[in-house]
């Protein structure tokens, strides 16, 4: 009997191949043929999973959006015991800024989609949903810090979340552009957190 194909796994495999190609050559260089080669599948297999190139690109964006959100959520879930808000917030923002070497591909792909988005299109809608989830997560962490007494009640959680998310995003761009090293970007992040959380860990 022919081997059963796990289409969800195949779609994920293709999405990862798309992300690799985008990081290597940019969005416009992605073709069905190159994706099939990178994913080590036939062009027919790609076409059975995705009707159009746009569908394929959107799937890759959703894949990477889930990965970006998941990094932060996994950091919180992996805590062996309830951690201080300073620790959780510092570590979460470090994950979101994609500053380490192994995050470079992820950062390139995220920026490629962000620059492609225009108001009202499907790419922008996926990005909007992802940023909304990340904003809610950071807001929750700040409120947690207010409950533990680490963050002053005078701070507006929504406003601070906007600032921190924009800072993390901006540092991603600065590192990719070579304006800052990952270490310098991390220091900028720590300095900003110091005004919000004086006890933020030095090793975040």
N, C-alpha and C. Protein backbone atom coordinates (compact mmCIF):
# COMPACT_ATOMS: atom_id res chain seq x y z
N UNK A 1 0.84 -1.21 0.00
CA UNK A 1 0.00 0.00 0.00
C UNK A 1 0.87 1.25 0.00
N UNK A 2 0.45 2.31 -0.68
CA UNK A 2 1.23 3.55 -0.68
C UNK A 2 1.30 4.15 0.72
N UNK A 3 2.45 4.76 1.01
CA UNK A 3 2.65 5.35 2.32
C UNK A 3 1.72 6.54 2.52
N UNK A 4 1.09 6.59 3.69
CA UNK A 4 0.16 7.68 4.01
C UNK A 4 0.95 8.97 4.23
N UNK A 5 0.52 10.06 3.63
CA UNK A 5 1.21 11.34 3.78
C UNK A 5 0.56 12.15 4.89
N UNK A 6 1.37 12.64 5.81
CA UNK A 6 0.89 13.54 6.85
C UNK A 6 0.96 14.95 6.28
N UNK A 7 -0.19 15.47 5.84
CA UNK A 7 -0.18 16.76 5.14
C UNK A 7 0.19 17.93 6.04
N UNK A 8 -0.15 17.85 7.32
CA UNK A 8 0.24 18.92 8.23
C UNK A 8 1.75 18.96 8.39
N UNK A 9 2.35 17.77 8.49
CA UNK A 9 3.81 17.70 8.59
C UNK A 9 4.45 18.17 7.28
N UNK A 10 3.85 17.80 6.15
CA UNK A 10 4.38 18.22 4.85
C UNK A 10 4.27 19.73 4.70
N UNK A 11 3.15 20.30 5.10
CA UNK A 11 2.99 21.76 5.03
C UNK A 11 4.03 22.46 5.90
N UNK A 12 4.29 21.91 7.08
CA UNK A 12 5.29 22.49 7.96
C UNK A 12 6.69 22.38 7.34
N UNK A 13 6.97 21.26 6.72
CA UNK A 13 8.25 21.07 6.04
C UNK A 13 8.45 22.09 4.93
N UNK A 14 7.40 22.31 4.17
CA UNK A 14 7.47 23.28 3.07
C UNK A 14 7.59 24.71 3.62
N UNK A 15 6.85 25.02 4.67
CA UNK A 15 6.94 26.35 5.28
C UNK A 15 8.35 26.64 5.77
N UNK A 16 9.00 25.64 6.36
CA UNK A 16 10.37 25.82 6.82
C UNK A 16 11.32 26.04 5.64
N UNK A 17 11.07 25.35 4.53
CA UNK A 17 11.89 25.54 3.33
C UNK A 17 11.71 26.96 2.78
N UNK A 18 10.47 27.44 2.79
CA UNK A 18 10.20 28.82 2.34
C UNK A 18 10.97 29.81 3.21
N UNK A 19 10.94 29.62 4.51
CA UNK A 19 11.64 30.53 5.42
C UNK A 19 13.15 30.52 5.16
N UNK A 20 13.70 29.35 4.91
CA UNK A 20 15.14 29.25 4.61
C UNK A 20 15.48 30.02 3.35
N UNK A 21 14.65 29.89 2.32
CA UNK A 21 14.90 30.59 1.05
C UNK A 21 14.75 32.10 1.20
N UNK A 22 13.75 32.53 1.98
CA UNK A 22 13.56 33.97 2.20
C UNK A 22 14.78 34.56 2.90
N UNK A 23 15.26 33.86 3.93
CA UNK A 23 16.43 34.35 4.67
C UNK A 23 17.66 34.42 3.77
N UNK A 24 17.73 33.50 2.82
CA UNK A 24 18.91 33.42 1.94
C UNK A 24 18.85 34.44 0.81
N UNK A 25 17.66 34.61 0.19
CA UNK A 25 17.59 35.41 -1.04
C UNK A 25 16.48 36.44 -1.08
N UNK A 26 15.60 36.49 -0.08
CA UNK A 26 14.51 37.45 -0.07
C UNK A 26 13.21 36.85 -0.60
N UNK A 27 12.11 37.53 -0.33
CA UNK A 27 10.78 37.04 -0.69
C UNK A 27 10.60 36.86 -2.19
N UNK A 28 11.09 37.79 -2.96
CA UNK A 28 10.84 37.75 -4.41
C UNK A 28 11.55 36.59 -5.09
N UNK A 29 12.58 36.05 -4.44
CA UNK A 29 13.34 34.96 -5.05
C UNK A 29 12.71 33.60 -4.83
N UNK A 30 11.65 33.53 -4.03
CA UNK A 30 11.02 32.25 -3.71
C UNK A 30 10.19 31.77 -4.90
N UNK A 31 10.48 30.56 -5.37
CA UNK A 31 9.70 29.95 -6.45
C UNK A 31 9.27 28.55 -6.01
N UNK A 32 8.23 28.02 -6.65
CA UNK A 32 7.75 26.68 -6.32
C UNK A 32 8.85 25.65 -6.53
N UNK A 33 9.62 25.81 -7.61
CA UNK A 33 10.69 24.86 -7.91
C UNK A 33 11.76 24.87 -6.82
N UNK A 34 12.19 26.08 -6.42
CA UNK A 34 13.23 26.18 -5.39
C UNK A 34 12.73 25.66 -4.04
N UNK A 35 11.46 25.93 -3.74
CA UNK A 35 10.89 25.44 -2.49
C UNK A 35 10.86 23.91 -2.49
N UNK A 36 10.45 23.32 -3.60
CA UNK A 36 10.41 21.86 -3.70
C UNK A 36 11.80 21.27 -3.51
N UNK A 37 12.80 21.90 -4.11
CA UNK A 37 14.18 21.41 -3.98
C UNK A 37 14.65 21.52 -2.53
N UNK A 38 14.39 22.68 -1.92
CA UNK A 38 14.83 22.91 -0.54
C UNK A 38 14.13 21.95 0.43
N UNK A 39 12.85 21.69 0.19
CA UNK A 39 12.09 20.82 1.08
C UNK A 39 12.29 19.34 0.75
N UNK A 40 12.99 19.08 -0.37
CA UNK A 40 13.25 17.70 -0.81
C UNK A 40 11.95 16.96 -1.12
N UNK A 41 11.04 17.66 -1.81
CA UNK A 41 9.78 17.05 -2.25
C UNK A 41 9.57 17.43 -3.72
N UNK A 42 8.59 16.83 -4.34
CA UNK A 42 8.30 17.16 -5.73
C UNK A 42 7.50 18.45 -5.82
N UNK A 43 7.51 19.08 -7.01
CA UNK A 43 6.69 20.27 -7.20
C UNK A 43 5.21 19.92 -7.05
N UNK A 44 4.84 18.72 -7.45
CA UNK A 44 3.46 18.29 -7.29
C UNK A 44 3.06 18.24 -5.83
N UNK A 45 4.00 17.82 -4.98
CA UNK A 45 3.70 17.76 -3.54
C UNK A 45 3.46 19.16 -2.99
N UNK A 46 4.24 20.13 -3.47
CA UNK A 46 4.05 21.52 -3.03
C UNK A 46 2.68 22.01 -3.49
N UNK A 47 2.34 21.73 -4.73
CA UNK A 47 1.08 22.22 -5.29
C UNK A 47 -0.15 21.54 -4.67
N UNK A 48 0.04 20.30 -4.20
CA UNK A 48 -1.08 19.64 -3.52
C UNK A 48 -1.34 20.26 -2.15
N UNK A 49 -0.30 20.81 -1.55
CA UNK A 49 -0.45 21.44 -0.23
C UNK A 49 -0.92 22.89 -0.35
N UNK A 50 -0.52 23.57 -1.42
CA UNK A 50 -0.83 25.00 -1.57
C UNK A 50 -1.29 25.28 -2.99
N UNK A 51 -2.44 25.91 -3.12
CA UNK A 51 -2.99 26.19 -4.44
C UNK A 51 -2.20 27.27 -5.17
N UNK A 52 -1.70 28.27 -4.41
CA UNK A 52 -0.98 29.40 -5.03
C UNK A 52 0.28 29.70 -4.24
N UNK A 53 1.14 30.48 -4.85
CA UNK A 53 2.36 30.93 -4.16
C UNK A 53 1.99 31.78 -2.95
N UNK A 54 0.94 32.60 -3.08
CA UNK A 54 0.52 33.44 -1.96
C UNK A 54 0.09 32.58 -0.77
N UNK A 55 -0.64 31.50 -1.03
CA UNK A 55 -1.03 30.59 0.05
C UNK A 55 0.20 30.01 0.73
N UNK A 56 1.19 29.66 -0.05
CA UNK A 56 2.42 29.09 0.49
C UNK A 56 3.17 30.10 1.37
N UNK A 57 3.25 31.34 0.88
CA UNK A 57 3.93 32.38 1.65
C UNK A 57 3.18 32.69 2.95
N UNK A 58 1.86 32.74 2.88
CA UNK A 58 1.07 33.00 4.08
C UNK A 58 1.24 31.88 5.11
N UNK A 59 1.32 30.65 4.62
CA UNK A 59 1.54 29.53 5.53
C UNK A 59 2.90 29.66 6.22
N UNK A 60 3.91 30.09 5.46
CA UNK A 60 5.23 30.29 6.05
C UNK A 60 5.20 31.40 7.09
N UNK A 61 4.47 32.47 6.80
CA UNK A 61 4.36 33.57 7.76
C UNK A 61 3.65 33.10 9.03
N UNK A 62 2.57 32.35 8.87
CA UNK A 62 1.85 31.84 10.04
C UNK A 62 2.74 30.91 10.86
N UNK A 63 3.55 30.11 10.17
CA UNK A 63 4.48 29.20 10.83
C UNK A 63 5.48 29.99 11.67
N UNK A 64 6.05 31.03 11.07
CA UNK A 64 7.06 31.79 11.79
C UNK A 64 6.44 32.67 12.89
N UNK A 65 5.21 33.13 12.66
CA UNK A 65 4.51 33.91 13.69
C UNK A 65 4.26 33.06 14.93
N UNK A 66 3.83 31.81 14.70
CA UNK A 66 3.61 30.90 15.81
C UNK A 66 4.92 30.61 16.54
N UNK A 67 6.00 30.55 15.77
CA UNK A 67 7.31 30.28 16.38
C UNK A 67 7.75 31.45 17.25
N UNK A 68 7.58 32.68 16.75
CA UNK A 68 7.95 33.87 17.52
C UNK A 68 7.14 33.94 18.81
N UNK A 69 5.81 33.76 18.70
CA UNK A 69 4.97 33.78 19.90
C UNK A 69 5.34 32.64 20.85
N UNK A 70 5.60 31.46 20.25
CA UNK A 70 5.91 30.30 21.05
C UNK A 70 7.18 30.43 21.86
N UNK A 71 8.18 31.14 21.32
CA UNK A 71 9.44 31.33 22.06
C UNK A 71 9.18 32.00 23.40
N UNK A 72 8.36 33.05 23.38
CA UNK A 72 8.07 33.78 24.60
C UNK A 72 7.22 32.93 25.55
N UNK A 73 6.20 32.27 25.01
CA UNK A 73 5.32 31.48 25.85
C UNK A 73 6.05 30.29 26.47
N UNK A 74 6.96 29.67 25.71
CA UNK A 74 7.73 28.55 26.24
C UNK A 74 8.67 28.99 27.35
N UNK A 75 9.21 30.19 27.21
CA UNK A 75 10.10 30.71 28.26
C UNK A 75 9.36 30.80 29.58
N UNK A 76 8.11 31.29 29.54
CA UNK A 76 7.32 31.42 30.76
C UNK A 76 6.90 30.04 31.28
N UNK A 77 6.45 29.18 30.36
CA UNK A 77 5.97 27.85 30.77
C UNK A 77 7.09 26.99 31.33
N UNK A 78 8.33 27.22 30.88
CA UNK A 78 9.45 26.39 31.31
C UNK A 78 9.96 26.74 32.70
N UNK A 79 9.48 27.84 33.27
CA UNK A 79 9.93 28.22 34.62
C UNK A 79 9.58 27.10 35.60
N UNK A 80 10.58 26.62 36.32
CA UNK A 80 10.37 25.51 37.25
C UNK A 80 9.47 25.93 38.40
N UNK A 81 9.52 27.19 38.74
CA UNK A 81 8.69 27.72 39.82
C UNK A 81 8.35 29.15 39.46
N UNK A 82 7.36 29.76 40.09
CA UNK A 82 7.01 31.14 39.76
C UNK A 82 8.24 32.06 39.88
N UNK A 83 8.60 32.71 38.77
CA UNK A 83 9.76 33.58 38.77
C UNK A 83 9.33 35.02 38.98
N UNK A 84 10.29 35.84 39.35
CA UNK A 84 10.02 37.26 39.51
C UNK A 84 9.61 37.84 38.16
N UNK A 85 8.76 38.86 38.21
CA UNK A 85 8.32 39.51 36.97
C UNK A 85 9.52 40.06 36.21
N UNK A 86 10.53 40.56 36.93
CA UNK A 86 11.72 41.10 36.28
C UNK A 86 12.40 40.05 35.43
N UNK A 87 12.52 38.85 35.96
CA UNK A 87 13.17 37.76 35.22
C UNK A 87 12.34 37.36 34.01
N UNK A 88 11.04 37.15 34.22
CA UNK A 88 10.18 36.73 33.12
C UNK A 88 10.13 37.76 32.00
N UNK A 89 10.00 39.03 32.36
CA UNK A 89 9.89 40.08 31.35
C UNK A 89 11.19 40.25 30.58
N UNK A 90 12.31 40.24 31.30
CA UNK A 90 13.60 40.40 30.63
C UNK A 90 13.87 39.25 29.68
N UNK A 91 13.62 38.03 30.12
CA UNK A 91 13.86 36.87 29.27
C UNK A 91 12.90 36.85 28.07
N UNK A 92 11.65 37.20 28.31
CA UNK A 92 10.66 37.19 27.23
C UNK A 92 11.03 38.20 26.14
N UNK A 93 11.42 39.41 26.53
CA UNK A 93 11.79 40.43 25.55
C UNK A 93 13.06 40.06 24.80
N UNK A 94 13.98 39.39 25.48
CA UNK A 94 15.19 38.94 24.81
C UNK A 94 14.84 37.93 23.73
N UNK A 95 13.89 37.04 24.03
CA UNK A 95 13.44 36.06 23.03
C UNK A 95 12.78 36.77 21.84
N UNK A 96 11.95 37.76 22.13
CA UNK A 96 11.21 38.46 21.06
C UNK A 96 12.13 39.29 20.17
N UNK A 97 13.23 39.79 20.73
CA UNK A 97 14.14 40.63 19.95
C UNK A 97 14.99 39.81 18.98
N UNK A 98 15.00 38.48 19.12
CA UNK A 98 15.71 37.60 18.18
C UNK A 98 17.18 38.00 18.04
N UNK A 99 17.86 38.15 19.16
CA UNK A 99 19.21 38.70 19.13
C UNK A 99 20.31 37.65 19.02
N UNK A 100 20.01 36.38 19.36
CA UNK A 100 21.10 35.40 19.32
C UNK A 100 21.35 34.91 17.90
N UNK A 101 22.50 34.27 17.72
CA UNK A 101 22.94 33.86 16.38
C UNK A 101 21.96 32.89 15.73
N UNK A 102 21.41 31.96 16.49
CA UNK A 102 20.52 30.98 15.89
C UNK A 102 19.16 31.57 15.51
N UNK A 103 18.90 32.81 15.96
CA UNK A 103 17.64 33.48 15.61
C UNK A 103 17.76 34.34 14.35
N UNK A 104 18.96 34.38 13.76
CA UNK A 104 19.20 35.29 12.64
C UNK A 104 18.28 34.99 11.45
N UNK A 105 18.12 33.71 11.13
CA UNK A 105 17.23 33.34 10.02
C UNK A 105 15.81 33.79 10.30
N UNK A 106 15.36 33.52 11.52
CA UNK A 106 14.01 33.93 11.93
C UNK A 106 13.84 35.44 11.78
N UNK A 107 14.84 36.20 12.22
CA UNK A 107 14.77 37.66 12.15
C UNK A 107 14.71 38.15 10.71
N UNK A 108 15.52 37.56 9.83
CA UNK A 108 15.51 37.96 8.41
C UNK A 108 14.13 37.72 7.78
N UNK A 109 13.54 36.58 8.09
CA UNK A 109 12.25 36.24 7.50
C UNK A 109 11.16 37.17 8.04
N UNK A 110 11.18 37.41 9.35
CA UNK A 110 10.18 38.30 9.96
C UNK A 110 10.25 39.69 9.33
N UNK A 111 11.46 40.21 9.17
CA UNK A 111 11.62 41.55 8.59
C UNK A 111 11.17 41.56 7.13
N UNK A 112 11.45 40.49 6.39
CA UNK A 112 11.03 40.43 4.98
C UNK A 112 9.51 40.52 4.86
N UNK A 113 8.79 39.81 5.72
CA UNK A 113 7.34 39.88 5.68
C UNK A 113 6.83 41.24 6.15
N UNK A 114 7.46 41.79 7.18
CA UNK A 114 7.02 43.09 7.71
C UNK A 114 7.15 44.18 6.66
N UNK A 115 8.22 44.15 5.87
CA UNK A 115 8.41 45.18 4.85
C UNK A 115 7.49 44.94 3.65
N UNK A 116 7.03 43.71 3.47
CA UNK A 116 6.12 43.38 2.37
C UNK A 116 4.67 43.78 2.68
N UNK A 117 4.34 43.83 3.96
CA UNK A 117 2.94 44.05 4.36
C UNK A 117 2.45 45.44 3.97
N UNK A 118 1.19 45.50 3.55
CA UNK A 118 0.54 46.79 3.33
C UNK A 118 -0.83 46.71 3.98
N UNK A 119 -1.31 47.85 4.45
CA UNK A 119 -2.55 47.87 5.23
C UNK A 119 -3.68 47.16 4.49
N UNK A 120 -4.33 46.25 5.21
CA UNK A 120 -5.49 45.59 4.65
C UNK A 120 -5.23 44.28 3.95
N UNK A 121 -3.95 43.94 3.67
CA UNK A 121 -3.72 42.67 2.98
C UNK A 121 -3.56 41.52 3.97
N UNK A 122 -3.45 40.30 3.44
CA UNK A 122 -3.44 39.12 4.31
C UNK A 122 -2.16 39.04 5.14
N UNK A 123 -1.04 39.47 4.57
CA UNK A 123 0.21 39.46 5.33
C UNK A 123 0.09 40.38 6.54
N UNK A 124 -0.44 41.58 6.31
CA UNK A 124 -0.61 42.54 7.41
C UNK A 124 -1.54 41.99 8.47
N UNK A 125 -2.56 41.26 8.07
CA UNK A 125 -3.52 40.71 9.03
C UNK A 125 -2.85 39.69 9.95
N UNK A 126 -2.00 38.83 9.38
CA UNK A 126 -1.29 37.85 10.20
C UNK A 126 -0.32 38.55 11.16
N UNK A 127 0.41 39.54 10.64
CA UNK A 127 1.33 40.29 11.49
C UNK A 127 0.58 41.01 12.61
N UNK A 128 -0.56 41.59 12.27
CA UNK A 128 -1.37 42.31 13.26
C UNK A 128 -1.79 41.37 14.38
N UNK A 129 -2.26 40.19 14.03
CA UNK A 129 -2.68 39.23 15.05
C UNK A 129 -1.52 38.80 15.94
N UNK A 130 -0.36 38.61 15.33
CA UNK A 130 0.82 38.19 16.11
C UNK A 130 1.24 39.28 17.07
N UNK A 131 1.31 40.52 16.58
CA UNK A 131 1.69 41.63 17.46
C UNK A 131 0.67 41.81 18.59
N UNK A 132 -0.60 41.60 18.29
CA UNK A 132 -1.64 41.73 19.32
C UNK A 132 -1.44 40.70 20.42
N UNK A 133 -1.11 39.47 20.04
CA UNK A 133 -0.87 38.42 21.03
C UNK A 133 0.37 38.74 21.88
N UNK A 134 1.42 39.22 21.22
CA UNK A 134 2.64 39.56 21.96
C UNK A 134 2.40 40.74 22.90
N UNK A 135 1.63 41.72 22.42
CA UNK A 135 1.28 42.87 23.27
C UNK A 135 0.52 42.41 24.50
N UNK A 136 -0.44 41.52 24.33
CA UNK A 136 -1.22 41.02 25.47
C UNK A 136 -0.32 40.27 26.46
N UNK A 137 0.64 39.51 25.92
CA UNK A 137 1.55 38.76 26.79
C UNK A 137 2.41 39.71 27.63
N UNK A 138 2.96 40.74 26.99
CA UNK A 138 3.81 41.70 27.72
C UNK A 138 2.97 42.47 28.73
N UNK A 139 1.76 42.85 28.34
CA UNK A 139 0.87 43.56 29.26
C UNK A 139 0.61 42.70 30.50
N UNK A 140 0.36 41.41 30.29
CA UNK A 140 0.11 40.49 31.40
C UNK A 140 1.33 40.43 32.33
N UNK A 141 2.53 40.39 31.75
CA UNK A 141 3.74 40.33 32.57
C UNK A 141 3.92 41.61 33.40
N UNK A 142 3.61 42.75 32.80
CA UNK A 142 3.74 44.01 33.53
C UNK A 142 2.73 44.06 34.68
N UNK A 143 1.51 43.62 34.43
CA UNK A 143 0.50 43.58 35.49
C UNK A 143 0.91 42.61 36.59
N UNK A 144 1.52 41.50 36.18
CA UNK A 144 2.04 40.55 37.16
C UNK A 144 3.09 41.24 38.04
N UNK A 145 3.95 42.05 37.41
CA UNK A 145 4.96 42.80 38.17
C UNK A 145 4.33 43.81 39.11
N UNK A 146 3.22 44.40 38.69
CA UNK A 146 2.52 45.32 39.59
C UNK A 146 1.92 44.58 40.78
N UNK A 147 1.43 43.36 40.53
CA UNK A 147 0.87 42.56 41.63
C UNK A 147 1.94 42.13 42.63
N UNK A 148 3.16 41.88 42.12
CA UNK A 148 4.24 41.46 43.01
C UNK A 148 4.97 42.66 43.63
N UNK A 149 4.63 43.86 43.19
CA UNK A 149 5.26 45.06 43.73
C UNK A 149 6.54 45.45 43.03
N UNK A 150 6.88 44.76 41.94
CA UNK A 150 8.12 45.07 41.21
C UNK A 150 7.95 46.23 40.24
N UNK A 151 6.74 46.44 39.77
CA UNK A 151 6.46 47.51 38.82
C UNK A 151 5.53 48.52 39.49
N UNK A 152 5.89 49.81 39.47
CA UNK A 152 5.03 50.81 40.10
C UNK A 152 3.62 50.82 39.50
N UNK A 153 2.64 51.01 40.35
CA UNK A 153 1.25 51.07 39.90
C UNK A 153 1.01 52.25 38.97
N UNK A 154 1.90 53.25 39.01
CA UNK A 154 1.71 54.44 38.18
C UNK A 154 1.95 54.15 36.69
N UNK A 155 2.64 53.05 36.38
CA UNK A 155 2.88 52.72 34.98
C UNK A 155 1.63 52.16 34.33
N UNK A 156 1.39 52.55 33.08
CA UNK A 156 0.27 52.04 32.30
C UNK A 156 0.72 50.78 31.57
N UNK A 157 0.19 49.60 31.93
CA UNK A 157 0.65 48.36 31.31
C UNK A 157 0.54 48.34 29.79
N UNK A 158 -0.59 48.84 29.26
CA UNK A 158 -0.76 48.84 27.80
C UNK A 158 0.26 49.74 27.11
N UNK A 159 0.47 50.91 27.66
CA UNK A 159 1.43 51.84 27.07
C UNK A 159 2.85 51.31 27.15
N UNK A 160 3.22 50.74 28.29
CA UNK A 160 4.56 50.18 28.44
C UNK A 160 4.76 48.99 27.51
N UNK A 161 3.71 48.18 27.33
CA UNK A 161 3.80 47.03 26.42
C UNK A 161 4.06 47.51 24.99
N UNK A 162 3.37 48.58 24.58
CA UNK A 162 3.60 49.15 23.25
C UNK A 162 5.07 49.54 23.08
N UNK A 163 5.61 50.23 24.09
CA UNK A 163 7.00 50.70 24.03
C UNK A 163 7.98 49.53 23.97
N UNK A 164 7.78 48.54 24.83
CA UNK A 164 8.70 47.41 24.90
C UNK A 164 8.67 46.57 23.64
N UNK A 165 7.48 46.37 23.07
CA UNK A 165 7.37 45.60 21.84
C UNK A 165 8.03 46.33 20.68
N UNK A 166 7.83 47.65 20.62
CA UNK A 166 8.47 48.45 19.56
C UNK A 166 9.99 48.44 19.74
N UNK A 167 10.46 48.49 20.98
CA UNK A 167 11.90 48.46 21.24
C UNK A 167 12.50 47.13 20.79
N UNK A 168 11.85 46.02 21.14
CA UNK A 168 12.35 44.70 20.75
C UNK A 168 12.41 44.59 19.23
N UNK A 169 11.35 45.05 18.56
CA UNK A 169 11.29 45.01 17.10
C UNK A 169 12.40 45.86 16.48
N UNK A 170 12.57 47.07 17.02
CA UNK A 170 13.60 47.97 16.50
C UNK A 170 15.00 47.42 16.67
N UNK A 171 15.25 46.77 17.79
CA UNK A 171 16.57 46.19 18.02
C UNK A 171 16.85 45.04 17.05
N UNK A 172 15.81 44.29 16.70
CA UNK A 172 15.97 43.24 15.70
C UNK A 172 16.49 43.83 14.39
N UNK A 173 15.88 44.93 13.96
CA UNK A 173 16.28 45.59 12.72
C UNK A 173 17.69 46.13 12.82
N UNK A 174 18.02 46.77 13.94
CA UNK A 174 19.35 47.38 14.11
C UNK A 174 20.46 46.34 14.08
N UNK A 175 20.19 45.17 14.66
CA UNK A 175 21.20 44.11 14.65
C UNK A 175 21.37 43.56 13.23
N UNK A 176 20.26 43.34 12.52
CA UNK A 176 20.35 42.85 11.15
C UNK A 176 21.08 43.83 10.24
N UNK A 177 20.87 45.12 10.49
CA UNK A 177 21.51 46.15 9.67
C UNK A 177 22.96 46.41 10.06
N UNK A 178 23.41 45.80 11.15
CA UNK A 178 24.77 45.99 11.59
C UNK A 178 24.99 47.27 12.39
N UNK A 179 23.90 47.96 12.74
CA UNK A 179 24.02 49.18 13.54
C UNK A 179 24.43 48.86 14.97
N UNK A 180 23.95 47.74 15.50
CA UNK A 180 24.33 47.28 16.83
C UNK A 180 24.73 45.81 16.77
N UNK A 181 25.63 45.43 17.64
CA UNK A 181 25.91 44.01 17.82
C UNK A 181 24.80 43.43 18.71
N UNK A 182 24.61 42.12 18.70
CA UNK A 182 23.62 41.54 19.61
C UNK A 182 23.87 41.91 21.07
N UNK A 183 25.14 41.96 21.47
CA UNK A 183 25.47 42.31 22.86
C UNK A 183 25.08 43.75 23.17
N UNK A 184 25.35 44.66 22.23
CA UNK A 184 24.99 46.07 22.44
C UNK A 184 23.47 46.23 22.49
N UNK A 185 22.76 45.51 21.63
CA UNK A 185 21.30 45.57 21.63
C UNK A 185 20.73 45.06 22.95
N UNK A 186 21.34 44.01 23.48
CA UNK A 186 20.89 43.45 24.75
C UNK A 186 21.10 44.46 25.89
N UNK A 187 22.20 45.19 25.83
CA UNK A 187 22.45 46.22 26.85
C UNK A 187 21.42 47.34 26.77
N UNK A 188 21.03 47.72 25.55
CA UNK A 188 20.00 48.75 25.39
C UNK A 188 18.69 48.27 26.01
N UNK A 189 18.36 47.01 25.75
CA UNK A 189 17.14 46.44 26.30
C UNK A 189 17.18 46.43 27.82
N UNK A 190 18.30 46.06 28.38
CA UNK A 190 18.45 46.03 29.84
C UNK A 190 18.33 47.42 30.45
N UNK A 191 18.94 48.42 29.75
CA UNK A 191 18.88 49.79 30.28
C UNK A 191 17.44 50.28 30.33
N UNK A 192 16.66 49.96 29.29
CA UNK A 192 15.28 50.41 29.30
C UNK A 192 14.48 49.68 30.38
N UNK A 193 14.74 48.39 30.54
CA UNK A 193 14.02 47.64 31.57
C UNK A 193 14.34 48.15 32.97
N UNK A 194 15.53 48.73 33.14
CA UNK A 194 15.95 49.20 34.47
C UNK A 194 15.01 50.29 34.99
N UNK A 195 14.42 51.07 34.07
CA UNK A 195 13.53 52.14 34.53
C UNK A 195 12.17 51.56 34.93
N UNK A 196 11.83 50.44 34.30
CA UNK A 196 10.55 49.79 34.61
C UNK A 196 10.71 48.79 35.75
N UNK A 197 11.80 48.04 35.69
CA UNK A 197 12.07 46.98 36.67
C UNK A 197 13.51 47.13 37.17
N UNK A 198 13.73 47.87 38.21
CA UNK A 198 15.08 48.09 38.71
C UNK A 198 15.83 46.80 39.03
N UNK A 199 15.10 45.71 39.28
CA UNK A 199 15.74 44.47 39.67
C UNK A 199 15.87 43.48 38.50
N UNK A 200 15.73 43.96 37.27
CA UNK A 200 15.85 43.06 36.13
C UNK A 200 17.20 42.35 36.17
N UNK A 201 17.29 41.05 35.92
CA UNK A 201 18.52 40.29 36.05
C UNK A 201 19.56 40.70 35.03
N UNK A 202 20.83 40.69 35.47
CA UNK A 202 21.93 41.07 34.58
C UNK A 202 22.17 40.00 33.51
N UNK A 203 21.79 38.74 33.80
CA UNK A 203 22.08 37.66 32.86
C UNK A 203 20.89 37.32 31.99
N UNK A 204 19.92 38.24 31.83
CA UNK A 204 18.73 37.95 31.02
C UNK A 204 19.12 37.72 29.58
